[in-house]
Amino acid sequence: MDEVVVTVYQVWKRRNKLVFEEGFWSSEAVVKLVKQLVSEFKETNLKPAVGSALITTRECKWKAPPLNFIKANWDAAVDNIHCRISIGVVLRNSSGHIIASLRSQMDSFPDTHLAKTIAALKALILCQQLDLTHIILERDAQQVVKDIQSSHEIWTSVGMIVRDIKALLTKMSRWFINFIPRTCNFLAHNLARDALKLSEESITLEGLPLCIHHM
């Protein structure tokens, strides 16, 4: 049933893309996207197996930022059935200590690329709220990183969010953005998954939410 719902929705999106953007997705592209979305949905709603966090920790090669920098890792999860997205952000200092984390969920168009871009914006807003001006942004979403690095305008809903991100970055003293493997982003990933259970935004300062405490 999940595959049927997502397939019908993506076919409708393909029709809109043809009408409004003069583009057209091939059937193979639609099938590939449906499989990806269904997989992400199932992954979000399944509990992790016992011991999986320890394995991820051993494989992770996350590196602490330089002195006086804060590293912000973010991730997003999508609930296609209920048209919701959730966001996880974790901020760590040069000692690797978590100084803040965020879990947030909202009703939104359930598009993975859009969700991950909104998550980047939320990470920056959190940094701004904490008066952090030397930051390194890291995410395992290569397209979002490319969008932020690009000097070209993107005339889509994603592009509007990217413009807001770039506006906030101009207020930072120094900033960098990097693409990283998924295994380096597992804390933010688990925060995003847990955020789907919440009814309102949650920010934790100088502590660990229970969903990542065991990690």
N, C-alpha and C. Protein backbone atom coordinates (compact mmCIF):
# COMPACT_ATOMS: atom_id res chain seq x y z
N MET A 1 0.83 -1.20 0.00
CA MET A 1 0.00 0.00 0.00
C MET A 1 0.87 1.26 0.00
N ASP A 2 1.97 1.23 0.78
CA ASP A 2 2.89 2.37 0.79
C ASP A 2 3.40 2.67 -0.62
N GLU A 3 3.79 1.62 -1.34
CA GLU A 3 4.33 1.79 -2.70
C GLU A 3 3.27 2.33 -3.65
N VAL A 4 2.04 1.88 -3.50
CA VAL A 4 0.94 2.35 -4.37
C VAL A 4 0.70 3.84 -4.16
N VAL A 5 0.62 4.25 -2.88
CA VAL A 5 0.36 5.65 -2.57
C VAL A 5 1.48 6.54 -3.09
N VAL A 6 2.72 6.16 -2.84
CA VAL A 6 3.86 6.98 -3.27
C VAL A 6 3.96 7.01 -4.79
N THR A 7 3.67 5.89 -5.45
CA THR A 7 3.74 5.84 -6.92
C THR A 7 2.71 6.77 -7.55
N VAL A 8 1.48 6.73 -7.06
CA VAL A 8 0.42 7.61 -7.58
C VAL A 8 0.81 9.07 -7.39
N TYR A 9 1.35 9.37 -6.22
CA TYR A 9 1.75 10.75 -5.92
C TYR A 9 2.88 11.21 -6.85
N GLN A 10 3.86 10.35 -7.10
CA GLN A 10 4.98 10.72 -7.96
C GLN A 10 4.54 10.86 -9.43
N VAL A 11 3.57 10.06 -9.85
CA VAL A 11 3.04 10.20 -11.21
C VAL A 11 2.35 11.55 -11.36
N TRP A 12 1.62 11.95 -10.31
CA TRP A 12 0.98 13.28 -10.32
C TRP A 12 2.04 14.38 -10.37
N LYS A 13 3.15 14.22 -9.62
CA LYS A 13 4.23 15.20 -9.67
C LYS A 13 4.86 15.25 -11.05
N ARG A 14 4.99 14.08 -11.71
CA ARG A 14 5.57 14.05 -13.05
C ARG A 14 4.70 14.84 -14.02
N ARG A 15 3.37 14.72 -13.86
CA ARG A 15 2.46 15.47 -14.72
C ARG A 15 2.64 16.97 -14.51
N ASN A 16 2.75 17.41 -13.24
CA ASN A 16 2.94 18.83 -12.94
C ASN A 16 4.26 19.35 -13.48
N LYS A 17 5.29 18.52 -13.39
CA LYS A 17 6.60 18.93 -13.91
C LYS A 17 6.53 19.16 -15.42
N LEU A 18 5.79 18.30 -16.11
CA LEU A 18 5.64 18.44 -17.55
C LEU A 18 4.87 19.72 -17.90
N VAL A 19 3.80 20.00 -17.15
CA VAL A 19 2.93 21.14 -17.45
C VAL A 19 3.59 22.47 -17.09
N PHE A 20 4.19 22.52 -15.89
CA PHE A 20 4.66 23.80 -15.37
C PHE A 20 6.15 24.05 -15.57
N GLU A 21 6.95 23.01 -15.70
CA GLU A 21 8.40 23.19 -15.82
C GLU A 21 8.94 22.69 -17.15
N GLU A 22 8.06 22.14 -17.99
CA GLU A 22 8.45 21.62 -19.30
C GLU A 22 9.55 20.58 -19.18
N GLY A 23 9.47 19.81 -18.13
CA GLY A 23 10.39 18.71 -17.94
C GLY A 23 9.59 17.42 -17.81
N PHE A 24 10.26 16.28 -17.93
CA PHE A 24 9.53 15.02 -17.86
C PHE A 24 10.43 13.95 -17.28
N TRP A 25 9.92 13.27 -16.23
CA TRP A 25 10.67 12.17 -15.64
C TRP A 25 10.36 10.88 -16.40
N SER A 26 11.39 10.10 -16.65
CA SER A 26 11.17 8.80 -17.29
C SER A 26 10.52 7.85 -16.29
N SER A 27 9.91 6.78 -16.80
CA SER A 27 9.29 5.80 -15.91
C SER A 27 10.32 5.18 -14.98
N GLU A 28 11.53 4.96 -15.51
CA GLU A 28 12.60 4.38 -14.69
C GLU A 28 12.95 5.30 -13.53
N ALA A 29 12.97 6.63 -13.79
CA ALA A 29 13.31 7.59 -12.73
C ALA A 29 12.23 7.60 -11.65
N VAL A 30 10.96 7.49 -12.08
CA VAL A 30 9.85 7.47 -11.11
C VAL A 30 9.95 6.23 -10.23
N VAL A 31 10.19 5.08 -10.85
CA VAL A 31 10.30 3.82 -10.09
C VAL A 31 11.44 3.90 -9.08
N LYS A 32 12.57 4.43 -9.53
CA LYS A 32 13.74 4.56 -8.64
C LYS A 32 13.44 5.46 -7.46
N LEU A 33 12.76 6.60 -7.72
CA LEU A 33 12.43 7.54 -6.66
C LEU A 33 11.43 6.94 -5.68
N VAL A 34 10.45 6.21 -6.20
CA VAL A 34 9.46 5.56 -5.34
C VAL A 34 10.14 4.58 -4.39
N LYS A 35 11.06 3.78 -4.91
CA LYS A 35 11.76 2.82 -4.06
C LYS A 35 12.56 3.53 -2.98
N GLN A 36 13.18 4.66 -3.35
CA GLN A 36 13.98 5.41 -2.37
C GLN A 36 13.08 5.98 -1.28
N LEU A 37 11.95 6.58 -1.66
CA LEU A 37 11.06 7.21 -0.69
C LEU A 37 10.43 6.17 0.25
N VAL A 38 10.01 5.04 -0.31
CA VAL A 38 9.41 3.99 0.52
C VAL A 38 10.44 3.43 1.49
N SER A 39 11.67 3.27 1.00
CA SER A 39 12.75 2.77 1.85
C SER A 39 13.03 3.73 3.00
N GLU A 40 13.07 5.05 2.70
CA GLU A 40 13.33 6.04 3.73
C GLU A 40 12.20 6.08 4.75
N PHE A 41 10.96 5.94 4.26
CA PHE A 41 9.81 5.95 5.16
C PHE A 41 9.85 4.75 6.12
N LYS A 42 10.15 3.57 5.57
CA LYS A 42 10.22 2.38 6.41
C LYS A 42 11.37 2.47 7.40
N GLU A 43 12.49 3.02 6.94
CA GLU A 43 13.65 3.16 7.82
C GLU A 43 13.33 4.11 8.96
N THR A 44 12.57 5.17 8.66
CA THR A 44 12.22 6.16 9.69
C THR A 44 11.31 5.57 10.75
N ASN A 45 10.42 4.67 10.34
CA ASN A 45 9.41 4.17 11.26
C ASN A 45 9.75 2.83 11.90
N LEU A 46 10.91 2.29 11.54
CA LEU A 46 11.35 1.05 12.18
C LEU A 46 12.32 1.37 13.31
N LYS A 47 12.22 0.65 14.42
CA LYS A 47 13.16 0.84 15.51
C LYS A 47 14.50 0.21 15.15
N PRO A 48 15.62 0.85 15.51
CA PRO A 48 16.92 0.29 15.21
C PRO A 48 17.14 -1.02 15.95
N ALA A 49 17.84 -1.95 15.32
CA ALA A 49 18.14 -3.22 15.96
C ALA A 49 19.10 -3.02 17.11
N VAL A 50 19.01 -3.92 18.10
CA VAL A 50 19.90 -3.82 19.25
C VAL A 50 21.34 -3.96 18.80
N GLY A 51 22.18 -3.04 19.24
CA GLY A 51 23.60 -3.10 18.90
C GLY A 51 23.96 -2.34 17.65
N SER A 52 22.97 -1.88 16.87
CA SER A 52 23.27 -1.19 15.61
C SER A 52 23.98 0.12 15.85
N ALA A 53 23.63 0.81 16.96
CA ALA A 53 24.26 2.10 17.24
C ALA A 53 25.74 1.93 17.52
N LEU A 54 26.10 0.83 18.20
CA LEU A 54 27.50 0.59 18.51
C LEU A 54 28.30 0.32 17.24
N ILE A 55 27.70 -0.40 16.31
CA ILE A 55 28.38 -0.67 15.05
C ILE A 55 28.60 0.63 14.27
N THR A 56 27.55 1.47 14.24
CA THR A 56 27.67 2.75 13.54
C THR A 56 28.75 3.61 14.16
N THR A 57 28.83 3.60 15.49
CA THR A 57 29.82 4.41 16.18
C THR A 57 31.23 3.99 15.79
N ARG A 58 31.46 2.69 15.70
CA ARG A 58 32.80 2.21 15.35
C ARG A 58 33.18 2.61 13.92
N GLU A 59 32.17 2.60 13.02
CA GLU A 59 32.45 2.91 11.63
C GLU A 59 32.56 4.41 11.37
N CYS A 60 32.00 5.21 12.26
CA CYS A 60 31.96 6.64 12.04
C CYS A 60 33.33 7.27 12.13
N LYS A 61 33.61 8.18 11.22
CA LYS A 61 34.89 8.88 11.21
C LYS A 61 34.65 10.38 11.38
N TRP A 62 33.63 10.74 12.15
CA TRP A 62 33.37 12.16 12.40
C TRP A 62 34.57 12.81 13.05
N LYS A 63 34.91 14.02 12.62
CA LYS A 63 36.06 14.73 13.15
C LYS A 63 35.60 16.03 13.80
N ALA A 64 36.19 16.33 14.94
CA ALA A 64 35.86 17.57 15.64
C ALA A 64 36.35 18.77 14.84
N PRO A 65 35.68 19.91 14.96
CA PRO A 65 36.10 21.12 14.22
C PRO A 65 37.34 21.74 14.87
N PRO A 66 37.98 22.67 14.17
CA PRO A 66 39.13 23.38 14.75
C PRO A 66 38.71 24.21 15.97
N LEU A 67 39.67 24.66 16.72
CA LEU A 67 39.42 25.47 17.90
C LEU A 67 38.61 26.72 17.51
N ASN A 68 37.65 27.09 18.34
CA ASN A 68 36.77 28.25 18.16
C ASN A 68 35.70 28.06 17.08
N PHE A 69 35.64 26.88 16.48
CA PHE A 69 34.59 26.59 15.51
C PHE A 69 33.56 25.64 16.12
N ILE A 70 32.35 25.74 15.63
CA ILE A 70 31.28 24.81 15.99
C ILE A 70 30.88 24.04 14.74
N LYS A 71 30.75 22.74 14.88
CA LYS A 71 30.32 21.94 13.73
C LYS A 71 28.84 21.59 13.89
N ALA A 72 28.08 21.89 12.86
CA ALA A 72 26.64 21.63 12.85
C ALA A 72 26.32 20.51 11.86
N ASN A 73 25.85 19.40 12.38
CA ASN A 73 25.38 18.30 11.53
C ASN A 73 23.86 18.28 11.56
N TRP A 74 23.25 18.09 10.41
CA TRP A 74 21.79 18.09 10.35
C TRP A 74 21.29 16.97 9.46
N ASP A 75 20.05 16.61 9.66
CA ASP A 75 19.42 15.58 8.83
C ASP A 75 17.92 15.79 8.85
N ALA A 76 17.23 15.10 7.95
CA ALA A 76 15.77 15.22 7.87
C ALA A 76 15.18 13.86 7.56
N ALA A 77 13.96 13.65 8.03
CA ALA A 77 13.20 12.45 7.71
C ALA A 77 11.86 12.87 7.14
N VAL A 78 11.29 12.03 6.29
CA VAL A 78 10.04 12.37 5.60
C VAL A 78 8.99 11.31 5.87
N ASP A 79 7.81 11.75 6.27
CA ASP A 79 6.65 10.88 6.43
C ASP A 79 5.70 11.18 5.27
N ASN A 80 5.81 10.39 4.20
CA ASN A 80 5.01 10.66 3.00
C ASN A 80 3.53 10.43 3.23
N ILE A 81 3.19 9.49 4.10
CA ILE A 81 1.78 9.16 4.31
C ILE A 81 1.03 10.32 4.97
N HIS A 82 1.66 10.96 5.96
CA HIS A 82 1.01 12.02 6.71
C HIS A 82 1.47 13.42 6.28
N CYS A 83 2.28 13.49 5.22
CA CYS A 83 2.77 14.77 4.70
C CYS A 83 3.45 15.59 5.80
N ARG A 84 4.44 14.99 6.42
CA ARG A 84 5.19 15.66 7.47
C ARG A 84 6.68 15.44 7.24
N ILE A 85 7.48 16.37 7.73
CA ILE A 85 8.92 16.20 7.73
C ILE A 85 9.43 16.45 9.14
N SER A 86 10.56 15.85 9.45
CA SER A 86 11.16 16.07 10.76
C SER A 86 12.64 16.38 10.57
N ILE A 87 13.19 17.11 11.53
CA ILE A 87 14.55 17.63 11.40
C ILE A 87 15.34 17.33 12.67
N GLY A 88 16.59 16.98 12.49
CA GLY A 88 17.50 16.78 13.61
C GLY A 88 18.77 17.58 13.39
N VAL A 89 19.20 18.31 14.41
CA VAL A 89 20.43 19.12 14.33
C VAL A 89 21.24 18.87 15.59
N VAL A 90 22.54 18.71 15.44
CA VAL A 90 23.43 18.57 16.59
C VAL A 90 24.63 19.48 16.40
N LEU A 91 24.96 20.26 17.43
CA LEU A 91 26.10 21.18 17.40
C LEU A 91 27.16 20.68 18.36
N ARG A 92 28.41 20.57 17.86
CA ARG A 92 29.51 20.11 18.71
C ARG A 92 30.71 21.04 18.58
N ASN A 93 31.46 21.15 19.68
CA ASN A 93 32.61 22.05 19.71
C ASN A 93 33.90 21.32 19.34
N SER A 94 35.03 22.00 19.48
CA SER A 94 36.31 21.44 19.06
C SER A 94 36.75 20.27 19.93
N SER A 95 36.12 20.10 21.08
CA SER A 95 36.40 18.93 21.94
C SER A 95 35.47 17.77 21.62
N GLY A 96 34.55 17.98 20.69
CA GLY A 96 33.60 16.94 20.34
C GLY A 96 32.39 16.89 21.24
N HIS A 97 32.29 17.83 22.18
CA HIS A 97 31.16 17.84 23.11
C HIS A 97 29.92 18.46 22.46
N ILE A 98 28.78 17.89 22.73
CA ILE A 98 27.52 18.44 22.21
C ILE A 98 27.13 19.66 23.03
N ILE A 99 26.97 20.79 22.37
CA ILE A 99 26.56 22.01 23.06
C ILE A 99 25.08 22.28 22.88
N ALA A 100 24.48 21.71 21.84
CA ALA A 100 23.04 21.90 21.63
C ALA A 100 22.54 20.89 20.60
N SER A 101 21.28 20.56 20.71
CA SER A 101 20.65 19.70 19.71
C SER A 101 19.21 20.16 19.52
N LEU A 102 18.70 19.88 18.34
CA LEU A 102 17.34 20.31 18.00
C LEU A 102 16.59 19.17 17.34
N ARG A 103 15.33 19.01 17.72
CA ARG A 103 14.41 18.10 17.05
C ARG A 103 13.15 18.89 16.71
N SER A 104 12.77 18.82 15.46
CA SER A 104 11.62 19.62 15.02
C SER A 104 10.85 18.85 13.96
N GLN A 105 9.54 19.02 13.95
CA GLN A 105 8.71 18.41 12.91
C GLN A 105 7.66 19.41 12.47
N MET A 106 7.20 19.27 11.25
CA MET A 106 6.21 20.20 10.71
C MET A 106 5.45 19.54 9.57
N ASP A 107 4.25 20.03 9.33
CA ASP A 107 3.50 19.63 8.14
C ASP A 107 4.16 20.28 6.94
N SER A 108 4.43 19.51 5.93
CA SER A 108 5.13 20.04 4.76
C SER A 108 4.94 19.13 3.57
N PHE A 109 5.16 19.67 2.41
CA PHE A 109 5.21 18.87 1.18
C PHE A 109 6.29 17.80 1.39
N PRO A 110 5.95 16.52 1.31
CA PRO A 110 6.89 15.46 1.69
C PRO A 110 7.94 15.16 0.62
N ASP A 111 8.78 16.12 0.36
CA ASP A 111 9.85 15.96 -0.62
C ASP A 111 11.19 15.89 0.12
N THR A 112 11.97 14.86 -0.14
CA THR A 112 13.22 14.64 0.60
C THR A 112 14.20 15.79 0.43
N HIS A 113 14.37 16.26 -0.80
CA HIS A 113 15.31 17.35 -1.06
C HIS A 113 14.89 18.62 -0.34
N LEU A 114 13.59 18.93 -0.39
CA LEU A 114 13.08 20.10 0.30
C LEU A 114 13.27 19.97 1.81
N ALA A 115 12.99 18.78 2.35
CA ALA A 115 13.13 18.56 3.79
C ALA A 115 14.57 18.76 4.25
N LYS A 116 15.52 18.24 3.50
CA LYS A 116 16.92 18.37 3.87
C LYS A 116 17.40 19.82 3.76
N THR A 117 16.83 20.56 2.83
CA THR A 117 17.19 21.98 2.70
C THR A 117 16.63 22.79 3.86
N ILE A 118 15.39 22.49 4.25
CA ILE A 118 14.80 23.16 5.40
C ILE A 118 15.60 22.83 6.66
N ALA A 119 16.08 21.60 6.75
CA ALA A 119 16.89 21.21 7.91
C ALA A 119 18.18 22.03 7.99
N ALA A 120 18.77 22.32 6.84
CA ALA A 120 19.97 23.16 6.82
C ALA A 120 19.65 24.55 7.34
N LEU A 121 18.50 25.08 6.93
CA LEU A 121 18.08 26.40 7.40
C LEU A 121 17.86 26.39 8.91
N LYS A 122 17.22 25.35 9.43
CA LYS A 122 16.98 25.26 10.87
C LYS A 122 18.30 25.17 11.64
N ALA A 123 19.29 24.49 11.07
CA ALA A 123 20.60 24.40 11.72
C ALA A 123 21.24 25.77 11.83
N LEU A 124 21.13 26.55 10.76
CA LEU A 124 21.70 27.90 10.77
C LEU A 124 20.96 28.81 11.74
N ILE A 125 19.65 28.71 11.78
CA ILE A 125 18.87 29.53 12.70
C ILE A 125 19.27 29.22 14.15
N LEU A 126 19.47 27.93 14.45
CA LEU A 126 19.90 27.55 15.79
C LEU A 126 21.25 28.16 16.12
N CYS A 127 22.18 28.12 15.16
CA CYS A 127 23.50 28.74 15.37
C CYS A 127 23.36 30.24 15.63
N GLN A 128 22.48 30.89 14.88
CA GLN A 128 22.28 32.32 15.05
C GLN A 128 21.67 32.63 16.42
N GLN A 129 20.73 31.81 16.86
CA GLN A 129 20.10 32.02 18.16
C GLN A 129 21.12 31.90 19.30
N LEU A 130 22.15 31.09 19.08
CA LEU A 130 23.17 30.88 20.11
C LEU A 130 24.39 31.80 19.91
N ASP A 131 24.26 32.75 18.98
CA ASP A 131 25.32 33.72 18.70
C ASP A 131 26.62 33.04 18.26
N LEU A 132 26.51 32.00 17.46
CA LEU A 132 27.69 31.30 16.93
C LEU A 132 28.02 31.89 15.56
N THR A 133 29.26 32.29 15.37
CA THR A 133 29.63 32.97 14.12
C THR A 133 30.74 32.25 13.35
N HIS A 134 31.33 31.21 13.93
CA HIS A 134 32.35 30.41 13.25
C HIS A 134 31.83 28.97 13.19
N ILE A 135 31.30 28.59 12.04
CA ILE A 135 30.62 27.30 11.96
C ILE A 135 31.08 26.49 10.75
N ILE A 136 30.95 25.19 10.89
CA ILE A 136 31.17 24.24 9.80
C ILE A 136 29.89 23.42 9.67
N LEU A 137 29.27 23.47 8.51
CA LEU A 137 28.05 22.72 8.25
C LEU A 137 28.41 21.40 7.57
N GLU A 138 27.83 20.31 8.06
CA GLU A 138 28.09 19.00 7.46
C GLU A 138 26.79 18.24 7.27
N ARG A 139 26.68 17.59 6.12
CA ARG A 139 25.47 16.82 5.82
C ARG A 139 25.79 15.78 4.77
N ASP A 140 25.10 14.64 4.83
CA ASP A 140 25.30 13.59 3.84
C ASP A 140 24.31 13.72 2.68
N ALA A 141 23.91 14.95 2.37
CA ALA A 141 23.04 15.23 1.23
C ALA A 141 23.84 16.09 0.24
N GLN A 142 24.41 15.45 -0.75
CA GLN A 142 25.32 16.14 -1.66
C GLN A 142 24.64 17.25 -2.45
N GLN A 143 23.38 17.04 -2.86
CA GLN A 143 22.71 18.05 -3.67
C GLN A 143 22.45 19.31 -2.87
N VAL A 144 22.10 19.18 -1.59
CA VAL A 144 21.86 20.36 -0.76
C VAL A 144 23.16 21.16 -0.61
N VAL A 145 24.27 20.45 -0.40
CA VAL A 145 25.57 21.11 -0.28
C VAL A 145 25.89 21.86 -1.57
N LYS A 146 25.64 21.23 -2.71
CA LYS A 146 25.91 21.87 -4.01
C LYS A 146 25.01 23.09 -4.21
N ASP A 147 23.75 22.99 -3.80
CA ASP A 147 22.83 24.12 -3.94
C ASP A 147 23.33 25.34 -3.17
N ILE A 148 23.81 25.10 -1.94
CA ILE A 148 24.29 26.20 -1.11
C ILE A 148 25.59 26.79 -1.66
N GLN A 149 26.42 25.94 -2.21
CA GLN A 149 27.71 26.40 -2.76
C GLN A 149 27.54 27.09 -4.11
N SER A 150 26.47 26.80 -4.81
CA SER A 150 26.27 27.34 -6.16
C SER A 150 25.96 28.83 -6.14
N SER A 151 26.43 29.50 -7.18
CA SER A 151 26.14 30.94 -7.31
C SER A 151 24.91 31.17 -8.20
N HIS A 152 24.32 30.11 -8.72
CA HIS A 152 23.15 30.23 -9.60
C HIS A 152 21.86 30.27 -8.80
N GLU A 153 20.90 31.03 -9.29
CA GLU A 153 19.59 31.10 -8.67
C GLU A 153 18.80 29.83 -9.00
N ILE A 154 18.08 29.33 -8.01
CA ILE A 154 17.24 28.15 -8.20
C ILE A 154 15.79 28.60 -8.03
N TRP A 155 15.03 28.57 -9.11
CA TRP A 155 13.67 29.12 -9.07
C TRP A 155 12.65 28.03 -8.73
N THR A 156 12.81 27.48 -7.55
CA THR A 156 11.89 26.47 -7.03
C THR A 156 11.67 26.76 -5.55
N SER A 157 10.82 25.95 -4.91
CA SER A 157 10.61 26.10 -3.47
C SER A 157 11.91 25.85 -2.71
N VAL A 158 12.70 24.91 -3.20
CA VAL A 158 14.02 24.66 -2.59
C VAL A 158 14.90 25.89 -2.74
N GLY A 159 14.85 26.53 -3.90
CA GLY A 159 15.66 27.71 -4.14
C GLY A 159 15.35 28.84 -3.19
N MET A 160 14.08 28.99 -2.81
CA MET A 160 13.70 30.04 -1.86
C MET A 160 14.35 29.80 -0.50
N ILE A 161 14.38 28.53 -0.07
CA ILE A 161 15.02 28.19 1.20
C ILE A 161 16.53 28.42 1.11
N VAL A 162 17.11 28.06 -0.03
CA VAL A 162 18.55 28.24 -0.22
C VAL A 162 18.92 29.72 -0.13
N ARG A 163 18.07 30.60 -0.68
CA ARG A 163 18.35 32.04 -0.60
C ARG A 163 18.34 32.50 0.86
N ASP A 164 17.42 31.97 1.65
CA ASP A 164 17.39 32.32 3.09
C ASP A 164 18.66 31.82 3.79
N ILE A 165 19.11 30.64 3.41
CA ILE A 165 20.33 30.08 3.99
C ILE A 165 21.53 30.98 3.66
N LYS A 166 21.63 31.38 2.41
CA LYS A 166 22.76 32.23 2.00
C LYS A 166 22.71 33.59 2.70
N ALA A 167 21.51 34.10 2.93
CA ALA A 167 21.39 35.38 3.63
C ALA A 167 21.90 35.26 5.07
N LEU A 168 21.59 34.14 5.72
CA LEU A 168 22.07 33.92 7.09
C LEU A 168 23.59 33.71 7.12
N LEU A 169 24.10 33.06 6.11
CA LEU A 169 25.55 32.81 6.06
C LEU A 169 26.36 34.10 5.95
N THR A 170 25.79 35.12 5.33
CA THR A 170 26.50 36.40 5.20
C THR A 170 26.71 37.05 6.57
N LYS A 171 25.93 36.62 7.56
CA LYS A 171 26.06 37.19 8.90
C LYS A 171 27.08 36.44 9.76
N MET A 172 27.61 35.35 9.21
CA MET A 172 28.62 34.58 9.92
C MET A 172 30.01 35.14 9.65
N SER A 173 30.87 35.14 10.65
CA SER A 173 32.25 35.62 10.47
C SER A 173 33.02 34.68 9.55
N ARG A 174 32.91 33.38 9.80
CA ARG A 174 33.55 32.38 8.94
C ARG A 174 32.67 31.15 8.92
N TRP A 175 32.56 30.55 7.74
CA TRP A 175 31.75 29.34 7.64
C TRP A 175 32.26 28.46 6.50
N PHE A 176 32.03 27.18 6.65
CA PHE A 176 32.35 26.18 5.64
C PHE A 176 31.20 25.18 5.58
N ILE A 177 31.06 24.54 4.44
CA ILE A 177 30.04 23.49 4.31
C ILE A 177 30.67 22.30 3.61
N ASN A 178 30.45 21.11 4.16
CA ASN A 178 31.07 19.90 3.64
C ASN A 178 30.04 18.80 3.43
N PHE A 179 30.29 17.97 2.44
CA PHE A 179 29.53 16.74 2.25
C PHE A 179 30.27 15.62 2.97
N ILE A 180 29.53 14.81 3.73
CA ILE A 180 30.14 13.72 4.49
C ILE A 180 29.37 12.43 4.25
N PRO A 181 29.99 11.27 4.50
CA PRO A 181 29.28 9.99 4.39
C PRO A 181 28.19 9.86 5.45
N ARG A 182 27.23 9.00 5.19
CA ARG A 182 26.11 8.80 6.11
C ARG A 182 26.59 8.37 7.50
N THR A 183 27.65 7.54 7.55
CA THR A 183 28.12 7.02 8.83
C THR A 183 28.69 8.11 9.73
N CYS A 184 28.97 9.28 9.18
CA CYS A 184 29.46 10.40 9.99
C CYS A 184 28.33 11.28 10.49
N ASN A 185 27.11 10.94 10.14
CA ASN A 185 25.98 11.82 10.44
C ASN A 185 24.89 11.10 11.23
N PHE A 186 25.28 10.02 11.94
CA PHE A 186 24.26 9.18 12.55
C PHE A 186 23.53 9.84 13.72
N LEU A 187 24.19 10.77 14.44
CA LEU A 187 23.51 11.44 15.54
C LEU A 187 22.36 12.30 15.03
N ALA A 188 22.64 13.13 14.02
CA ALA A 188 21.59 13.98 13.45
C ALA A 188 20.49 13.13 12.82
N HIS A 189 20.88 12.01 12.22
CA HIS A 189 19.91 11.11 11.60
C HIS A 189 18.93 10.58 12.64
N ASN A 190 19.44 10.15 13.78
CA ASN A 190 18.57 9.61 14.82
C ASN A 190 17.72 10.68 15.49
N LEU A 191 18.25 11.90 15.59
CA LEU A 191 17.46 13.01 16.11
C LEU A 191 16.28 13.29 15.18
N ALA A 192 16.54 13.26 13.88
CA ALA A 192 15.47 13.53 12.91
C ALA A 192 14.39 12.44 12.97
N ARG A 193 14.79 11.20 13.10
CA ARG A 193 13.82 10.10 13.19
C ARG A 193 12.97 10.24 14.45
N ASP A 194 13.61 10.58 15.55
CA ASP A 194 12.88 10.71 16.81
C ASP A 194 11.93 11.90 16.78
N ALA A 195 12.27 12.93 16.02
CA ALA A 195 11.44 14.14 15.96
C ALA A 195 10.05 13.87 15.39
N LEU A 196 9.91 12.81 14.59
CA LEU A 196 8.60 12.47 14.04
C LEU A 196 7.60 12.13 15.13
N LYS A 197 8.09 11.77 16.32
CA LYS A 197 7.20 11.41 17.42
C LYS A 197 6.73 12.62 18.22
N LEU A 198 7.38 13.76 18.01
CA LEU A 198 7.10 14.93 18.84
C LEU A 198 5.92 15.74 18.30
N SER A 199 5.32 16.52 19.19
CA SER A 199 4.22 17.40 18.79
C SER A 199 4.68 18.85 18.68
N GLU A 200 5.89 19.14 19.19
CA GLU A 200 6.42 20.50 19.09
C GLU A 200 7.95 20.44 19.07
N GLU A 201 8.55 21.56 18.69
CA GLU A 201 10.01 21.62 18.58
C GLU A 201 10.67 21.47 19.95
N SER A 202 11.81 20.79 19.96
CA SER A 202 12.54 20.58 21.20
C SER A 202 14.01 20.93 21.00
N ILE A 203 14.54 21.81 21.85
CA ILE A 203 15.95 22.19 21.83
C ILE A 203 16.57 21.81 23.17
N THR A 204 17.66 21.08 23.12
CA THR A 204 18.37 20.66 24.33
C THR A 204 19.74 21.33 24.35
N LEU A 205 20.04 22.03 25.44
CA LEU A 205 21.33 22.70 25.59
C LEU A 205 22.16 21.99 26.64
N GLU A 206 23.44 21.80 26.32
CA GLU A 206 24.39 21.19 27.27
C GLU A 206 23.88 19.86 27.82
N GLY A 207 23.28 19.07 26.97
CA GLY A 207 22.79 17.77 27.42
C GLY A 207 22.49 16.88 26.23
N LEU A 208 22.00 15.68 26.51
CA LEU A 208 21.72 14.71 25.46
C LEU A 208 20.26 14.28 25.51
N PRO A 209 19.52 14.39 24.41
CA PRO A 209 18.18 13.81 24.37
C PRO A 209 18.27 12.29 24.56
N LEU A 210 17.23 11.70 25.09
CA LEU A 210 17.27 10.27 25.37
C LEU A 210 17.49 9.42 24.12
N CYS A 211 17.02 9.93 22.97
CA CYS A 211 17.11 9.13 21.74
C CYS A 211 18.54 8.91 21.28
N ILE A 212 19.48 9.73 21.73
CA ILE A 212 20.89 9.53 21.35
C ILE A 212 21.79 9.34 22.57
N HIS A 213 21.17 9.23 23.74
CA HIS A 213 21.96 9.09 24.97
C HIS A 213 22.81 7.83 24.94
N HIS A 214 22.27 6.73 24.39
CA HIS A 214 22.99 5.46 24.36
C HIS A 214 24.14 5.46 23.35
N MET A 215 24.23 6.51 22.53
CA MET A 215 25.28 6.57 21.51
C MET A 215 26.51 7.31 22.00
